[in-house]
């Protein structure tokens, strides 16, 4: 099983918390974090696209290109590219370029996005949320498969027999990110694309039917082997369980409460947080052994081939992030691989 990290490069939008950093320092820190993840043997690092004051990455491709120059073996993926409000040609070209720079380590994780800021920013009608994604995904897959492209759609000018360059040295891997929508699961499986399933709250076991649906749909479509599934979750690692919980709760609660206020959810309480980090909760916060145990339990539930941990749900001191990555790569990942026989 591949084991990795994803990040949105969170910052304090008001810069009022002790030690708060600006966007430039946070981005430089992020590159150091990706470099360390590579050095300690993690398999994948994902960077998400957002257009908000509390996240510094609006262009994952630019960040991953910088990371490509500082790393040697780790896979570099978006997590996610908001394809609905972007141009698939540009997305493909950007990631083909990263792939060439990195020696075939780039991937695209395409999604519709959990926030909507990119739609008015780039002039898209939010009522076309699903239609835009479907059409642009169709074009992205054609770009992956064909050097010279013939394509016509409703929401982008047609392409009439034009080459799209540069070309990667191998087919560019494309994953579909889903949040628990059955039609999204069926689409990913029907297209033969790997699925990344985000589980950020509640009981992970309740998501098992989505993974079963994915594999059943892929099997009915005649796919052999069935494409892999990734589980993507929030978490934090420290030397002890108490230290991990005490460090993670304040930024986690501040971030989730701020997002919750936008969506009509109540503020995140410590009792709610403690329930989420319990052995059968969705959030992987704890000592290395606790995180090992939960990943292995989730593997029993899902049989996933990849697990990605969002280590910084809210802003965390850079030194502590580096320590968490070190523990993840040198203690957690080897133990999980050994237990799974790989």
C-alpha atoms as a PDB file:
ATOM      1  CA  UNK A   1       0.000   0.000   0.000  1.00  0.00           C
ATOM      2  CA  UNK A   2       1.242   3.492  -0.864  1.00  0.00           C
ATOM      3  CA  UNK A   3       1.380   5.854   2.104  1.00  0.00           C
ATOM      4  CA  UNK A   4       1.505   9.608   1.787  1.00  0.00           C
ATOM      5  CA  UNK A   5       0.409  13.103   2.753  1.00  0.00           C
ATOM      6  CA  UNK A   6      -1.741  15.827   1.298  1.00  0.00           C
ATOM      7  CA  UNK A   7      -1.808  19.491   2.260  1.00  0.00           C
ATOM      8  CA  UNK A   8      -3.599  22.737   1.479  1.00  0.00           C
ATOM      9  CA  UNK A   9      -0.776  24.790   3.084  1.00  0.00           C
ATOM     10  CA  UNK A  10      -3.058  26.287   5.714  1.00  0.00           C
ATOM     11  CA  UNK A  11      -2.407  29.700   7.250  1.00  0.00           C
ATOM     12  CA  UNK A  12      -4.161  31.907   9.793  1.00  0.00           C
ATOM     13  CA  UNK A  13      -6.040  34.386   7.562  1.00  0.00           C
ATOM     14  CA  UNK A  14      -5.973  37.020  10.311  1.00  0.00           C
ATOM     15  CA  UNK A  15      -2.352  36.207  11.301  1.00  0.00           C
ATOM     16  CA  UNK A  16      -3.309  36.682  14.966  1.00  0.00           C
ATOM     17  CA  UNK A  17      -2.155  33.334  16.397  1.00  0.00           C
ATOM     18  CA  UNK A  18       1.308  33.164  17.987  1.00  0.00           C
ATOM     19  CA  UNK A  19       3.913  32.295  15.362  1.00  0.00           C
ATOM     20  CA  UNK A  20       1.545  32.954  12.448  1.00  0.00           C
ATOM     21  CA  UNK A  21       3.356  33.145   9.111  1.00  0.00           C
ATOM     22  CA  UNK A  22       2.556  34.768   5.801  1.00  0.00           C
ATOM     23  CA  UNK A  23       1.885  33.050   2.498  1.00  0.00           C
ATOM     24  CA  UNK A  24       5.470  33.219   1.279  1.00  0.00           C
ATOM     25  CA  UNK A  25       6.949  31.593   4.355  1.00  0.00           C
ATOM     26  CA  UNK A  26       4.210  28.960   4.416  1.00  0.00           C
ATOM     27  CA  UNK A  27       4.894  28.002   0.806  1.00  0.00           C
ATOM     28  CA  UNK A  28       8.634  27.764   1.444  1.00  0.00           C
ATOM     29  CA  UNK A  29       7.911  25.605   4.478  1.00  0.00           C
ATOM     30  CA  UNK A  30       5.661  23.401   2.355  1.00  0.00           C
ATOM     31  CA  UNK A  31       8.492  22.661  -0.060  1.00  0.00           C
ATOM     32  CA  UNK A  32      10.696  21.646   2.889  1.00  0.00           C
ATOM     33  CA  UNK A  33       7.909  19.381   4.139  1.00  0.00           C
ATOM     34  CA  UNK A  34       7.590  17.669   0.751  1.00  0.00           C
ATOM     35  CA  UNK A  35      11.364  17.270   0.599  1.00  0.00           C
ATOM     36  CA  UNK A  36      11.411  15.616   4.031  1.00  0.00           C
ATOM     37  CA  UNK A  37       8.513  13.326   3.089  1.00  0.00           C
ATOM     38  CA  UNK A  38      10.635  12.151   0.167  1.00  0.00           C
ATOM     39  CA  UNK A  39      13.703  11.627   2.351  1.00  0.00           C
ATOM     40  CA  UNK A  40      11.867   9.531   4.983  1.00  0.00           C
ATOM     41  CA  UNK A  41      10.421   7.209   2.358  1.00  0.00           C
ATOM     42  CA  UNK A  42       6.795   8.274   1.964  1.00  0.00           C
ATOM     43  CA  UNK A  43       5.262   7.378  -1.390  1.00  0.00           C
ATOM     44  CA  UNK A  44       2.985  10.282  -2.346  1.00  0.00           C
ATOM     45  CA  UNK A  45       2.563  13.998  -1.621  1.00  0.00           C
ATOM     46  CA  UNK A  46      -0.597  15.795  -2.714  1.00  0.00           C
ATOM     47  CA  UNK A  47      -1.268  19.538  -2.833  1.00  0.00           C
ATOM     48  CA  UNK A  48      -4.796  20.909  -3.040  1.00  0.00           C
ATOM     49  CA  UNK A  49      -6.200  23.843  -5.010  1.00  0.00           C
ATOM     50  CA  UNK A  50      -8.109  26.548  -3.147  1.00  0.00           C
ATOM     51  CA  UNK A  51      -8.890  30.219  -3.658  1.00  0.00           C
ATOM     52  CA  UNK A  52      -9.387  31.311  -0.055  1.00  0.00           C
ATOM     53  CA  UNK A  53      -7.521  33.417   2.499  1.00  0.00           C
ATOM     54  CA  UNK A  54      -6.905  30.424   4.784  1.00  0.00           C
ATOM     55  CA  UNK A  55      -5.056  28.319   2.162  1.00  0.00           C
ATOM     56  CA  UNK A  56      -1.975  29.408   0.245  1.00  0.00           C
ATOM     57  CA  UNK A  57      -2.042  27.043  -2.745  1.00  0.00           C
ATOM     58  CA  UNK A  58      -4.156  28.231  -5.656  1.00  0.00           C
ATOM     59  CA  UNK A  59      -1.885  26.621  -8.267  1.00  0.00           C
ATOM     60  CA  UNK A  60      -0.848  23.079  -7.275  1.00  0.00           C
ATOM     61  CA  UNK A  61       1.181  22.668 -10.462  1.00  0.00           C
ATOM     62  CA  UNK A  62       3.519  25.542  -9.582  1.00  0.00           C
ATOM     63  CA  UNK A  63       4.141  24.156  -6.089  1.00  0.00           C
ATOM     64  CA  UNK A  64       4.646  20.612  -7.362  1.00  0.00           C
ATOM     65  CA  UNK A  65       7.071  21.804 -10.031  1.00  0.00           C
ATOM     66  CA  UNK A  66       9.152  23.420  -7.272  1.00  0.00           C
ATOM     67  CA  UNK A  67       8.926  20.200  -5.269  1.00  0.00           C
ATOM     68  CA  UNK A  68      10.002  18.150  -8.295  1.00  0.00           C
ATOM     69  CA  UNK A  69      13.345  19.926  -8.261  1.00  0.00           C
ATOM     70  CA  UNK A  70      13.881  19.132  -4.567  1.00  0.00           C
ATOM     71  CA  UNK A  71      12.795  15.475  -4.488  1.00  0.00           C
ATOM     72  CA  UNK A  72      13.918  12.196  -6.030  1.00  0.00           C
ATOM     73  CA  UNK A  73      11.296   9.459  -5.729  1.00  0.00           C
ATOM     74  CA  UNK A  74       8.034  10.633  -4.146  1.00  0.00           C
ATOM     75  CA  UNK A  75       4.962  10.843  -6.385  1.00  0.00           C
ATOM     76  CA  UNK A  76       3.585  14.376  -6.781  1.00  0.00           C
ATOM     77  CA  UNK A  77      -0.155  14.836  -7.205  1.00  0.00           C
ATOM     78  CA  UNK A  78      -2.784  17.512  -7.003  1.00  0.00           C
ATOM     79  CA  UNK A  79      -5.304  16.917  -4.240  1.00  0.00           C
ATOM     80  CA  UNK A  80      -7.359  18.135  -5.962  1.00  0.00           C
ATOM     81  CA  UNK A  81      -7.295  20.070  -9.226  1.00  0.00           C
ATOM     82  CA  UNK A  82     -10.697  21.797  -9.445  1.00  0.00           C
ATOM     83  CA  UNK A  83     -11.284  20.733 -13.017  1.00  0.00           C
ATOM     84  CA  UNK A  84     -14.754  22.276 -13.337  1.00  0.00           C
ATOM     85  CA  UNK A  85     -13.374  25.838 -13.244  1.00  0.00           C
ATOM     86  CA  UNK A  86     -10.104  25.204 -15.069  1.00  0.00           C
ATOM     87  CA  UNK A  87      -9.034  24.548 -18.646  1.00  0.00           C
ATOM     88  CA  UNK A  88      -8.216  20.846 -19.106  1.00  0.00           C
ATOM     89  CA  UNK A  89      -5.630  21.670 -21.766  1.00  0.00           C
ATOM     90  CA  UNK A  90      -3.713  23.845 -19.333  1.00  0.00           C
ATOM     91  CA  UNK A  91      -4.081  21.295 -16.531  1.00  0.00           C
ATOM     92  CA  UNK A  92      -2.718  18.558 -18.785  1.00  0.00           C
ATOM     93  CA  UNK A  93       0.179  20.685 -20.023  1.00  0.00           C
ATOM     94  CA  UNK A  94       1.125  21.756 -16.497  1.00  0.00           C
ATOM     95  CA  UNK A  95       1.199  18.218 -15.157  1.00  0.00           C
ATOM     96  CA  UNK A  96       2.892  16.821 -18.252  1.00  0.00           C
ATOM     97  CA  UNK A  97       5.614  19.392 -17.596  1.00  0.00           C
ATOM     98  CA  UNK A  98       5.897  18.321 -13.941  1.00  0.00           C
ATOM     99  CA  UNK A  99       6.045  14.712 -15.096  1.00  0.00           C
ATOM    100  CA  UNK A 100       8.959  15.455 -17.399  1.00  0.00           C
ATOM    101  CA  UNK A 101      10.777  17.508 -14.749  1.00  0.00           C
ATOM    102  CA  UNK A 102      10.311  14.844 -12.079  1.00  0.00           C
ATOM    103  CA  UNK A 103      11.131  11.738 -14.087  1.00  0.00           C
ATOM    104  CA  UNK A 104       7.534  10.441 -14.421  1.00  0.00           C
ATOM    105  CA  UNK A 105       6.328  11.148 -10.877  1.00  0.00           C
ATOM    106  CA  UNK A 106       3.350  13.439 -11.572  1.00  0.00           C
ATOM    107  CA  UNK A 107      -0.337  12.629 -11.181  1.00  0.00           C
ATOM    108  CA  UNK A 108      -3.598  14.542 -11.438  1.00  0.00           C
ATOM    109  CA  UNK A 109      -6.324  14.088  -8.857  1.00  0.00           C
ATOM    110  CA  UNK A 110      -9.351  15.715 -10.470  1.00  0.00           C
ATOM    111  CA  UNK A 111     -12.389  16.806  -8.500  1.00  0.00           C
ATOM    112  CA  UNK A 112     -15.276  19.214  -8.429  1.00  0.00           C
ATOM    113  CA  UNK A 113     -13.960  20.898  -5.278  1.00  0.00           C
ATOM    114  CA  UNK A 114     -15.483  21.211  -1.826  1.00  0.00           C
ATOM    115  CA  UNK A 115     -15.518  25.029  -2.039  1.00  0.00           C
ATOM    116  CA  UNK A 116     -17.089  27.167  -4.756  1.00  0.00           C
ATOM    117  CA  UNK A 117     -14.870  30.296  -4.817  1.00  0.00           C
ATOM    118  CA  UNK A 118     -13.230  29.318  -8.106  1.00  0.00           C
ATOM    119  CA  UNK A 119     -16.521  29.474 -10.036  1.00  0.00           C
ATOM    120  CA  UNK A 120     -17.195  33.224  -9.793  1.00  0.00           C
ATOM    121  CA  UNK A 121     -13.451  33.915  -9.863  1.00  0.00           C
ATOM    122  CA  UNK A 122     -13.071  32.343 -13.310  1.00  0.00           C
ATOM    123  CA  UNK A 123     -16.519  33.294 -14.592  1.00  0.00           C
ATOM    124  CA  UNK A 124     -18.342  29.958 -14.418  1.00  0.00           C
ATOM    125  CA  UNK A 125     -22.010  29.425 -13.633  1.00  0.00           C
ATOM    126  CA  UNK A 126     -22.335  27.428 -10.420  1.00  0.00           C
ATOM    127  CA  UNK A 127     -25.594  25.904 -11.673  1.00  0.00           C
ATOM    128  CA  UNK A 128     -23.421  24.001 -14.195  1.00  0.00           C
ATOM    129  CA  UNK A 129     -21.357  22.421 -11.393  1.00  0.00           C
ATOM    130  CA  UNK A 130     -21.863  18.822 -12.549  1.00  0.00           C
ATOM    131  CA  UNK A 131     -22.066  19.461 -16.280  1.00  0.00           C
ATOM    132  CA  UNK A 132     -18.774  21.374 -16.323  1.00  0.00           C
ATOM    133  CA  UNK A 133     -16.941  18.613 -14.513  1.00  0.00           C
ATOM    134  CA  UNK A 134     -18.274  15.862 -16.768  1.00  0.00           C
ATOM    135  CA  UNK A 135     -17.388  17.668 -19.967  1.00  0.00           C
ATOM    136  CA  UNK A 136     -13.945  18.766 -18.819  1.00  0.00           C
ATOM    137  CA  UNK A 137     -13.100  15.333 -17.487  1.00  0.00           C
ATOM    138  CA  UNK A 138     -13.997  13.887 -20.890  1.00  0.00           C
ATOM    139  CA  UNK A 139     -11.560  16.311 -22.528  1.00  0.00           C
ATOM    140  CA  UNK A 140      -8.810  15.644 -19.980  1.00  0.00           C
ATOM    141  CA  UNK A 141      -8.992  11.913 -20.678  1.00  0.00           C
ATOM    142  CA  UNK A 142      -8.851  12.534 -24.423  1.00  0.00           C
ATOM    143  CA  UNK A 143      -5.761  14.705 -23.884  1.00  0.00           C
ATOM    144  CA  UNK A 144      -4.182  11.885 -21.901  1.00  0.00           C
ATOM    145  CA  UNK A 145      -4.841   9.323 -24.613  1.00  0.00           C
ATOM    146  CA  UNK A 146      -4.376  11.235 -27.872  1.00  0.00           C
ATOM    147  CA  UNK A 147      -1.438  13.284 -29.148  1.00  0.00           C
ATOM    148  CA  UNK A 148      -3.554  15.102 -31.745  1.00  0.00           C
ATOM    149  CA  UNK A 149      -6.925  16.059 -30.347  1.00  0.00           C
ATOM    150  CA  UNK A 150     -10.331  16.381 -32.018  1.00  0.00           C
ATOM    151  CA  UNK A 151     -12.922  17.532 -29.489  1.00  0.00           C
ATOM    152  CA  UNK A 152     -16.111  19.550 -29.305  1.00  0.00           C
ATOM    153  CA  UNK A 153     -18.087  20.553 -26.232  1.00  0.00           C
ATOM    154  CA  UNK A 154     -20.465  23.197 -24.914  1.00  0.00           C
ATOM    155  CA  UNK A 155     -18.316  25.082 -22.416  1.00  0.00           C
ATOM    156  CA  UNK A 156     -14.949  25.371 -24.124  1.00  0.00           C
ATOM    157  CA  UNK A 157     -13.887  26.205 -27.698  1.00  0.00           C
ATOM    158  CA  UNK A 158     -13.480  23.136 -29.880  1.00  0.00           C
ATOM    159  CA  UNK A 159     -10.103  21.591 -30.702  1.00  0.00           C
ATOM    160  CA  UNK A 160      -9.839  20.556 -34.330  1.00  0.00           C
ATOM    161  CA  UNK A 161      -6.890  18.261 -34.880  1.00  0.00           C
ATOM    162  CA  UNK A 162      -4.311  20.138 -32.837  1.00  0.00           C
ATOM    163  CA  UNK A 163      -1.363  18.608 -30.951  1.00  0.00           C
ATOM    164  CA  UNK A 164      -1.308  19.261 -27.204  1.00  0.00           C
ATOM    165  CA  UNK A 165       2.269  19.484 -25.969  1.00  0.00           C
ATOM    166  CA  UNK A 166       4.447  18.593 -24.167  1.00  0.00           C
ATOM    167  CA  UNK A 167       3.693  14.896 -23.885  1.00  0.00           C
ATOM    168  CA  UNK A 168       4.733  12.943 -20.792  1.00  0.00           C
ATOM    169  CA  UNK A 169       6.902   9.897 -21.301  1.00  0.00           C
ATOM    170  CA  UNK A 170       4.106   7.601 -20.088  1.00  0.00           C
ATOM    171  CA  UNK A 171       0.314   8.014 -19.804  1.00  0.00           C
ATOM    172  CA  UNK A 172      -0.330  10.602 -17.113  1.00  0.00           C
ATOM    173  CA  UNK A 173      -2.128   8.983 -14.141  1.00  0.00           C
ATOM    174  CA  UNK A 174      -5.511  10.589 -13.430  1.00  0.00           C
ATOM    175  CA  UNK A 175      -7.466   9.903 -10.241  1.00  0.00           C
ATOM    176  CA  UNK A 176     -11.011  10.990  -9.443  1.00  0.00           C
ATOM    177  CA  UNK A 177     -11.643  12.452  -5.992  1.00  0.00           C
ATOM    178  CA  UNK A 178     -15.077  11.800  -4.477  1.00  0.00           C
ATOM    179  CA  UNK A 179     -16.678  12.705  -1.189  1.00  0.00           C
ATOM    180  CA  UNK A 180     -19.340  10.012  -0.924  1.00  0.00           C
ATOM    181  CA  UNK A 181     -21.686  10.668  -3.859  1.00  0.00           C
ATOM    182  CA  UNK A 182     -22.809   7.369  -5.474  1.00  0.00           C
ATOM    183  CA  UNK A 183     -22.979   8.876  -9.001  1.00  0.00           C
ATOM    184  CA  UNK A 184     -19.401  10.115  -8.618  1.00  0.00           C
ATOM    185  CA  UNK A 185     -18.309   6.658  -7.496  1.00  0.00           C
ATOM    186  CA  UNK A 186     -20.028   5.016 -10.472  1.00  0.00           C
ATOM    187  CA  UNK A 187     -18.509   7.536 -12.885  1.00  0.00           C
ATOM    188  CA  UNK A 188     -14.966   6.881 -11.634  1.00  0.00           C
ATOM    189  CA  UNK A 189     -15.394   3.112 -11.915  1.00  0.00           C
ATOM    190  CA  UNK A 190     -17.125   3.243 -15.304  1.00  0.00           C
ATOM    191  CA  UNK A 191     -14.257   5.313 -16.706  1.00  0.00           C
ATOM    192  CA  UNK A 192     -11.681   2.935 -15.268  1.00  0.00           C
ATOM    193  CA  UNK A 193     -10.102   5.655 -13.132  1.00  0.00           C
ATOM    194  CA  UNK A 194      -8.618   5.182  -9.644  1.00  0.00           C
ATOM    195  CA  UNK A 195     -10.805   6.682  -6.910  1.00  0.00           C
ATOM    196  CA  UNK A 196      -9.699   8.815  -3.972  1.00  0.00           C
ATOM    197  CA  UNK A 197     -12.349   8.798  -1.252  1.00  0.00           C
ATOM    198  CA  UNK A 198     -12.239  11.616   1.308  1.00  0.00           C
ATOM    199  CA  UNK A 199     -13.299  10.556   4.815  1.00  0.00           C
ATOM    200  CA  UNK A 200     -13.062  13.529   7.171  1.00  0.00           C
ATOM    201  CA  UNK A 201     -15.823  12.899   9.685  1.00  0.00           C
ATOM    202  CA  UNK A 202     -18.128  10.306  11.180  1.00  0.00           C
ATOM    203  CA  UNK A 203     -17.522   6.585  11.117  1.00  0.00           C
ATOM    204  CA  UNK A 204     -15.228   5.414   8.299  1.00  0.00           C
ATOM    205  CA  UNK A 205     -17.132   2.124   8.174  1.00  0.00           C
ATOM    206  CA  UNK A 206     -20.189   3.913   6.790  1.00  0.00           C
ATOM    207  CA  UNK A 207     -18.181   4.633   3.626  1.00  0.00           C
ATOM    208  CA  UNK A 208     -17.560   0.944   2.936  1.00  0.00           C
ATOM    209  CA  UNK A 209     -20.630   0.673   0.642  1.00  0.00           C
ATOM    210  CA  UNK A 210     -19.113   3.304  -1.648  1.00  0.00           C
ATOM    211  CA  UNK A 211     -15.956   1.241  -2.077  1.00  0.00           C
ATOM    212  CA  UNK A 212     -18.048  -1.878  -2.676  1.00  0.00           C
ATOM    213  CA  UNK A 213     -20.095   0.035  -5.279  1.00  0.00           C
ATOM    214  CA  UNK A 214     -16.908   1.187  -6.982  1.00  0.00           C
ATOM    215  CA  UNK A 215     -15.480  -2.325  -7.255  1.00  0.00           C
ATOM    216  CA  UNK A 216     -18.783  -3.869  -8.347  1.00  0.00           C
ATOM    217  CA  UNK A 217     -19.188  -1.234 -11.073  1.00  0.00           C
ATOM    218  CA  UNK A 218     -15.596  -1.704 -12.251  1.00  0.00           C
ATOM    219  CA  UNK A 219     -16.048  -5.464 -12.356  1.00  0.00           C
ATOM    220  CA  UNK A 220     -19.264  -5.160 -14.366  1.00  0.00           C
ATOM    221  CA  UNK A 221     -17.407  -2.848 -16.761  1.00  0.00           C
ATOM    222  CA  UNK A 222     -14.917  -5.657 -17.359  1.00  0.00           C
ATOM    223  CA  UNK A 223     -11.945  -3.969 -15.723  1.00  0.00           C
ATOM    224  CA  UNK A 224      -9.146  -6.358 -14.781  1.00  0.00           C
ATOM    225  CA  UNK A 225      -7.390  -5.468 -12.609  1.00  0.00           C
ATOM    226  CA  UNK A 226      -9.805  -3.180 -10.793  1.00  0.00           C
ATOM    227  CA  UNK A 227      -8.223   0.277 -10.372  1.00  0.00           C
ATOM    228  CA  UNK A 228      -6.931   1.180  -6.895  1.00  0.00           C
ATOM    229  CA  UNK A 229      -8.766   3.083  -4.180  1.00  0.00           C
ATOM    230  CA  UNK A 230      -7.183   5.737  -1.967  1.00  0.00           C
ATOM    231  CA  UNK A 231      -8.528   6.785   1.430  1.00  0.00           C
ATOM    232  CA  UNK A 232      -7.774  10.432   2.289  1.00  0.00           C
ATOM    233  CA  UNK A 233      -8.261  11.565   5.901  1.00  0.00           C
ATOM    234  CA  UNK A 234      -7.369  14.212   8.464  1.00  0.00           C
ATOM    235  CA  UNK A 235      -4.770  13.465  11.113  1.00  0.00           C
ATOM    236  CA  UNK A 236      -1.777  14.410  13.242  1.00  0.00           C
ATOM    237  CA  UNK A 237       1.091  12.448  14.801  1.00  0.00           C
ATOM    238  CA  UNK A 238       3.138  13.179  17.913  1.00  0.00           C
ATOM    239  CA  UNK A 239       5.188  11.130  20.360  1.00  0.00           C
ATOM    240  CA  UNK A 240       2.201  10.489  22.657  1.00  0.00           C
ATOM    241  CA  UNK A 241      -1.542  10.388  22.203  1.00  0.00           C
ATOM    242  CA  UNK A 242      -2.100  13.247  24.646  1.00  0.00           C
ATOM    243  CA  UNK A 243       0.464  15.454  22.954  1.00  0.00           C
ATOM    244  CA  UNK A 244      -1.029  14.735  19.538  1.00  0.00           C
ATOM    245  CA  UNK A 245      -4.578  15.550  20.665  1.00  0.00           C
ATOM    246  CA  UNK A 246      -3.565  18.704  22.531  1.00  0.00           C
ATOM    247  CA  UNK A 247      -1.547  20.002  19.582  1.00  0.00           C
ATOM    248  CA  UNK A 248      -4.112  19.140  16.927  1.00  0.00           C
ATOM    249  CA  UNK A 249      -7.328  20.293  18.579  1.00  0.00           C
ATOM    250  CA  UNK A 250      -6.940  24.107  18.605  1.00  0.00           C
ATOM    251  CA  UNK A 251      -6.111  24.563  14.895  1.00  0.00           C
ATOM    252  CA  UNK A 252      -8.485  21.750  13.900  1.00  0.00           C
ATOM    253  CA  UNK A 253     -11.372  23.305  15.835  1.00  0.00           C
ATOM    254  CA  UNK A 254     -10.650  26.811  14.576  1.00  0.00           C
ATOM    255  CA  UNK A 255     -10.538  25.666  10.950  1.00  0.00           C
ATOM    256  CA  UNK A 256     -13.568  23.386  11.062  1.00  0.00           C
ATOM    257  CA  UNK A 257     -15.605  25.910  13.055  1.00  0.00           C
ATOM    258  CA  UNK A 258     -14.788  28.661  10.527  1.00  0.00           C
ATOM    259  CA  UNK A 259     -15.833  26.446   7.619  1.00  0.00           C
ATOM    260  CA  UNK A 260     -18.829  25.263   9.605  1.00  0.00           C
ATOM    261  CA  UNK A 261     -19.996  28.837  10.165  1.00  0.00           C
ATOM    262  CA  UNK A 262     -20.067  29.301   6.379  1.00  0.00           C
ATOM    263  CA  UNK A 263     -22.161  26.151   5.951  1.00  0.00           C
ATOM    264  CA  UNK A 264     -24.466  26.376   8.941  1.00  0.00           C
ATOM    265  CA  UNK A 265     -22.717  23.792  11.128  1.00  0.00           C
ATOM    266  CA  UNK A 266     -22.178  24.215  14.884  1.00  0.00           C
ATOM    267  CA  UNK A 267     -18.672  24.950  16.203  1.00  0.00           C
ATOM    268  CA  UNK A 268     -16.384  21.975  16.756  1.00  0.00           C
ATOM    269  CA  UNK A 269     -16.210  21.002  20.438  1.00  0.00           C
ATOM    270  CA  UNK A 270     -13.482  19.076  22.233  1.00  0.00           C
ATOM    271  CA  UNK A 271     -15.974  16.267  22.888  1.00  0.00           C
ATOM    272  CA  UNK A 272     -16.734  16.028  19.171  1.00  0.00           C
ATOM    273  CA  UNK A 273     -13.017  16.069  18.356  1.00  0.00           C
ATOM    274  CA  UNK A 274     -12.299  13.337  20.902  1.00  0.00           C
ATOM    275  CA  UNK A 275     -15.014  11.188  19.331  1.00  0.00           C
ATOM    276  CA  UNK A 276     -13.499  11.676  15.878  1.00  0.00           C
ATOM    277  CA  UNK A 277     -10.022  10.610  17.062  1.00  0.00           C
ATOM    278  CA  UNK A 278     -11.311   7.542  18.899  1.00  0.00           C
ATOM    279  CA  UNK A 279     -10.267   4.108  17.527  1.00  0.00           C
ATOM    280  CA  UNK A 280     -13.234   3.937  15.145  1.00  0.00           C
ATOM    281  CA  UNK A 281     -13.474   7.643  14.316  1.00  0.00           C
ATOM    282  CA  UNK A 282     -12.475   9.237  11.020  1.00  0.00           C
ATOM    283  CA  UNK A 283      -9.593  11.417  12.235  1.00  0.00           C
ATOM    284  CA  UNK A 284      -6.145   9.833  12.705  1.00  0.00           C
ATOM    285  CA  UNK A 285      -4.701  11.811  15.606  1.00  0.00           C
ATOM    286  CA  UNK A 286      -2.431  10.067  18.077  1.00  0.00           C
ATOM    287  CA  UNK A 287       0.867   8.405  18.771  1.00  0.00           C
ATOM    288  CA  UNK A 288       2.571   6.509  15.935  1.00  0.00           C
ATOM    289  CA  UNK A 289       1.123   3.215  17.199  1.00  0.00           C
ATOM    290  CA  UNK A 290      -2.404   4.607  17.310  1.00  0.00           C
ATOM    291  CA  UNK A 291      -2.099   5.853  13.742  1.00  0.00           C
ATOM    292  CA  UNK A 292      -0.650   2.494  12.649  1.00  0.00           C
ATOM    293  CA  UNK A 293      -3.560   0.671  14.248  1.00  0.00           C
ATOM    294  CA  UNK A 294      -6.169   2.893  12.624  1.00  0.00           C
ATOM    295  CA  UNK A 295      -4.631   2.660   9.141  1.00  0.00           C
ATOM    296  CA  UNK A 296      -4.546  -1.137   9.444  1.00  0.00           C
ATOM    297  CA  UNK A 297      -8.148  -1.200  10.648  1.00  0.00           C
ATOM    298  CA  UNK A 298      -9.220   0.956   7.714  1.00  0.00           C
ATOM    299  CA  UNK A 299      -7.346  -1.389   5.401  1.00  0.00           C
ATOM    300  CA  UNK A 300      -9.460  -4.241   6.778  1.00  0.00           C
ATOM    301  CA  UNK A 301     -12.578  -2.191   6.000  1.00  0.00           C
ATOM    302  CA  UNK A 302     -11.621  -0.860   2.560  1.00  0.00           C
ATOM    303  CA  UNK A 303      -8.666  -2.851   1.229  1.00  0.00           C
ATOM    304  CA  UNK A 304      -7.283   0.420  -0.161  1.00  0.00           C
ATOM    305  CA  UNK A 305      -4.045   0.556  -2.144  1.00  0.00           C
ATOM    306  CA  UNK A 306      -3.184   4.101  -1.026  1.00  0.00           C
ATOM    307  CA  UNK A 307      -3.644   6.107   2.158  1.00  0.00           C
ATOM    308  CA  UNK A 308      -3.107   9.879   2.314  1.00  0.00           C
ATOM    309  CA  UNK A 309      -3.075  11.839   5.565  1.00  0.00           C
ATOM    310  CA  UNK A 310      -3.802  15.568   5.773  1.00  0.00           C
ATOM    311  CA  UNK A 311      -1.395  16.413   8.558  1.00  0.00           C
ATOM    312  CA  UNK A 312      -2.249  20.097   8.904  1.00  0.00           C
ATOM    313  CA  UNK A 313      -5.987  20.654   9.056  1.00  0.00           C
ATOM    314  CA  UNK A 314      -5.229  24.061  10.535  1.00  0.00           C
ATOM    315  CA  UNK A 315      -1.975  26.032  10.792  1.00  0.00           C
ATOM    316  CA  UNK A 316       0.713  24.181  12.756  1.00  0.00           C
ATOM    317  CA  UNK A 317       4.285  25.234  13.624  1.00  0.00           C
ATOM    318  CA  UNK A 318       6.660  24.187  10.887  1.00  0.00           C
ATOM    319  CA  UNK A 319       9.021  22.367  13.269  1.00  0.00           C
ATOM    320  CA  UNK A 320       6.139  20.254  14.584  1.00  0.00           C
ATOM    321  CA  UNK A 321       4.993  19.444  11.051  1.00  0.00           C
ATOM    322  CA  UNK A 322       8.496  18.240  10.220  1.00  0.00           C
ATOM    323  CA  UNK A 323       8.494  16.053  13.338  1.00  0.00           C
ATOM    324  CA  UNK A 324       5.105  14.583  12.432  1.00  0.00           C
ATOM    325  CA  UNK A 325       6.350  13.792   8.910  1.00  0.00           C
ATOM    326  CA  UNK A 326       9.453  12.146  10.378  1.00  0.00           C
ATOM    327  CA  UNK A 327       7.338   9.933  12.650  1.00  0.00           C
ATOM    328  CA  UNK A 328       4.997   9.104   9.785  1.00  0.00           C
ATOM    329  CA  UNK A 329       7.786   8.118   7.423  1.00  0.00           C
ATOM    330  CA  UNK A 330      10.168   6.352   9.817  1.00  0.00           C
ATOM    331  CA  UNK A 331       7.767   4.676  12.257  1.00  0.00           C
ATOM    332  CA  UNK A 332       4.206   4.523  10.904  1.00  0.00           C
ATOM    333  CA  UNK A 333       4.823   3.705   7.236  1.00  0.00           C
ATOM    334  CA  UNK A 334       7.363   0.889   7.810  1.00  0.00           C
ATOM    335  CA  UNK A 335       5.102  -0.752  10.401  1.00  0.00           C
ATOM    336  CA  UNK A 336       2.067  -0.601   8.098  1.00  0.00           C
ATOM    337  CA  UNK A 337       4.044  -1.990   5.167  1.00  0.00           C
ATOM    338  CA  UNK A 338       5.410  -4.822   7.310  1.00  0.00           C
ATOM    339  CA  UNK A 339       1.968  -5.715   8.623  1.00  0.00           C
ATOM    340  CA  UNK A 340       0.588  -5.813   5.069  1.00  0.00           C
ATOM    341  CA  UNK A 341       3.525  -7.814   3.763  1.00  0.00           C
ATOM    342  CA  UNK A 342       4.959  -5.116   1.506  1.00  0.00           C
END
